[in-house]
Protein backbone atom coordinates (compact mmCIF):
# COMPACT_ATOMS: atom_id res chain seq x y z
CA MET A 1 50.75 -49.20 17.39
CA LYS A 2 47.26 -47.71 17.85
CA LYS A 3 45.88 -51.26 17.89
CA LEU A 4 47.69 -51.81 21.20
CA GLN A 5 45.77 -49.04 22.96
CA ASN A 6 43.91 -50.43 25.98
CA LYS A 7 45.05 -53.97 25.12
CA ILE A 8 48.04 -54.50 27.41
CA PRO A 9 47.32 -54.37 31.16
CA PRO A 10 49.31 -51.56 32.83
CA PRO A 11 50.97 -53.95 35.33
CA VAL A 12 52.34 -55.90 32.34
CA ILE A 13 53.69 -52.68 30.83
CA THR A 14 55.26 -51.80 34.19
CA LEU A 15 56.80 -55.26 34.56
CA THR A 16 58.17 -55.03 31.00
CA PHE A 17 59.80 -51.69 31.78
CA GLY A 18 61.17 -53.11 35.02
CA LEU A 19 62.81 -55.92 33.05
CA LEU A 20 64.15 -53.44 30.50
CA MET A 21 65.57 -51.37 33.36
CA TRP A 22 67.28 -54.45 34.76
CA ALA A 23 68.71 -55.25 31.31
CA ALA A 24 69.93 -51.65 30.90
CA HIS A 25 71.57 -51.86 34.33
CA GLU A 26 73.27 -55.18 33.52
CA LEU A 27 74.30 -54.42 29.93
CA PHE A 28 75.00 -50.67 30.07
CA PRO A 29 75.81 -49.70 33.68
CA ILE A 30 76.26 -45.96 33.33
CA LEU A 31 77.55 -44.07 36.37
CA GLN A 32 77.32 -46.56 39.20
CA PHE A 33 76.27 -45.13 42.59
CA GLU A 34 77.92 -46.34 45.79
CA PHE A 35 75.52 -44.87 48.35
CA GLN A 36 73.86 -47.49 50.58
CA ALA A 37 71.15 -44.96 51.44
CA LEU A 38 69.89 -45.08 47.83
CA PHE A 39 68.84 -48.69 48.37
CA TYR A 40 66.62 -47.68 51.29
CA PHE A 41 65.32 -44.64 49.43
CA GLY A 42 64.47 -46.97 46.53
CA ILE A 43 62.57 -49.28 48.88
CA GLY A 44 60.73 -46.22 50.20
CA LEU A 45 59.72 -45.12 46.71
CA ILE A 46 58.45 -48.63 45.94
CA VAL A 47 56.37 -48.63 49.14
CA ILE A 48 54.96 -45.18 48.34
CA GLY A 49 54.15 -46.26 44.78
CA LEU A 50 52.39 -49.42 45.95
CA THR A 51 50.49 -47.35 48.51
CA PHE A 52 49.27 -45.05 45.73
CA ASP A 53 48.12 -48.10 43.77
CA ILE A 54 46.36 -49.84 46.65
CA ILE A 55 44.59 -46.75 48.01
CA SER A 56 43.50 -45.74 44.50
CA PHE A 57 42.23 -49.28 43.83
CA ILE A 58 40.22 -49.13 47.06
CA GLY A 59 38.79 -45.77 45.93
CA PHE A 60 37.50 -47.39 42.75
CA ARG A 61 35.91 -50.21 44.75
CA LYS A 62 34.38 -47.72 47.20
CA ASN A 63 32.82 -45.83 44.28
CA LYS A 64 31.61 -49.13 42.76
CA THR A 65 33.20 -48.58 39.37
CA THR A 66 35.46 -50.70 37.22
CA VAL A 67 39.15 -50.92 37.99
CA ASN A 68 39.81 -52.64 34.67
CA PRO A 69 41.90 -50.23 32.56
CA ILE A 70 41.33 -52.40 29.48
CA SER A 71 37.61 -51.48 29.51
CA PRO A 72 37.33 -47.83 30.61
CA GLU A 73 33.97 -47.58 28.83
CA LYS A 74 32.49 -49.67 31.67
CA ALA A 75 33.11 -46.89 34.20
CA THR A 76 29.96 -46.08 36.18
CA SER A 77 31.34 -43.36 38.41
CA LEU A 78 34.01 -40.69 38.16
CA VAL A 79 36.50 -41.00 41.02
CA ILE A 80 37.82 -37.54 41.93
CA ASP A 81 38.57 -37.85 45.64
CA GLY A 82 41.60 -39.17 47.52
CA PHE A 83 44.75 -39.08 45.39
CA TYR A 84 42.56 -38.21 42.40
CA ARG A 85 42.35 -34.65 43.76
CA PHE A 86 46.05 -34.21 42.89
CA THR A 87 46.60 -36.44 39.86
CA ARG A 88 44.22 -37.97 37.35
CA ASN A 89 46.33 -41.12 37.28
CA PRO A 90 47.57 -42.03 40.75
CA MET A 91 47.80 -45.73 39.89
CA TYR A 92 50.10 -45.02 36.95
CA LEU A 93 52.04 -42.53 39.06
CA GLY A 94 52.39 -45.30 41.63
CA MET A 95 53.78 -47.60 38.95
CA LEU A 96 56.25 -44.89 37.92
CA LEU A 97 57.38 -44.53 41.54
CA VAL A 98 57.86 -48.31 41.79
CA LEU A 99 60.05 -48.19 38.67
CA ALA A 100 62.01 -45.19 39.99
CA GLY A 101 62.56 -47.00 43.29
CA THR A 102 63.72 -50.06 41.38
CA GLY A 103 66.17 -47.87 39.47
CA LEU A 104 67.61 -46.61 42.74
CA ILE A 105 68.06 -50.16 43.98
CA PHE A 106 69.99 -51.01 40.80
CA ALA A 107 72.24 -48.04 41.68
CA THR A 108 73.18 -47.08 38.12
CA LEU A 109 71.94 -44.25 35.94
CA SER A 110 71.05 -46.41 32.93
CA PRO A 111 67.62 -47.63 34.18
CA PHE A 112 66.46 -44.03 34.59
CA VAL A 113 66.85 -43.41 30.86
CA LEU A 114 63.78 -45.62 30.36
CA LEU A 115 61.44 -43.76 32.73
CA PRO A 116 60.42 -41.04 30.23
CA PHE A 117 59.58 -43.80 27.76
CA PHE A 118 57.36 -45.44 30.38
CA VAL A 119 55.47 -42.15 30.77
CA LEU A 120 55.11 -41.76 26.98
CA THR A 121 53.98 -45.39 26.62
CA MET A 122 51.38 -45.04 29.36
CA ASN A 123 50.15 -41.76 27.90
CA PHE A 124 49.70 -43.31 24.46
CA LEU A 125 48.56 -46.85 25.26
CA GLN A 126 46.42 -46.21 28.34
CA ILE A 127 45.78 -42.69 29.46
CA LYS A 128 44.65 -41.00 26.23
CA PRO A 129 42.19 -43.81 25.33
CA GLU A 130 40.89 -43.78 28.93
CA GLU A 131 40.42 -40.01 28.79
CA LYS A 132 38.52 -40.32 25.52
CA ALA A 133 36.20 -42.95 27.03
CA LEU A 134 35.66 -40.94 30.21
CA GLU A 135 34.85 -37.80 28.22
CA LYS A 136 32.27 -39.78 26.28
CA ILE A 137 30.69 -41.17 29.47
CA PHE A 138 30.93 -38.21 31.85
CA SER A 139 31.23 -35.37 29.30
CA GLU A 140 31.35 -31.93 30.96
CA GLN A 141 31.99 -33.34 34.45
CA TYR A 142 35.18 -35.02 33.24
CA ILE A 143 36.25 -32.06 31.11
CA GLU A 144 35.98 -29.79 34.18
CA TYR A 145 37.93 -32.32 36.23
CA LYS A 146 40.68 -32.37 33.57
CA LYS A 147 40.92 -28.59 33.80
CA ARG A 148 41.46 -28.75 37.59
CA VAL A 149 43.74 -31.78 37.92
CA ARG A 150 46.90 -32.58 35.97
CA ARG A 151 47.48 -35.88 34.20
CA TRP A 152 50.52 -36.93 36.24
CA LEU A 153 51.35 -34.28 38.85
């Protein structure tokens, strides 16, 4: 499993979990919700999640550093402004919000069972290897940043 670290692009992981959520909804529809408002709330969460992703992506471009999560060792600048003041991983948080919004659109509880596994997968496959690379590159500056800002929220 360690060989998969920093090998699978996060959008592919997110899409995979989205498909698993759809399968869980179709095959094991636990506690179906009948509130039309949940659909619109789900759309809202998806929009918020995509906004996190796009604004964070722009922040990387503005700071002229790599956005490629497969090669964190190529980072040339530590981005700590914008959403990065509140979470060290706003793009991954955005992906989580997209998945949560998708779960609301499905309107059953079963897709939500997979969300903690998404967080664990991202922590293991992406975030921890990225943190290790950033500590190596930015040393004390990144360690201080980690002390001030939480991994997710």
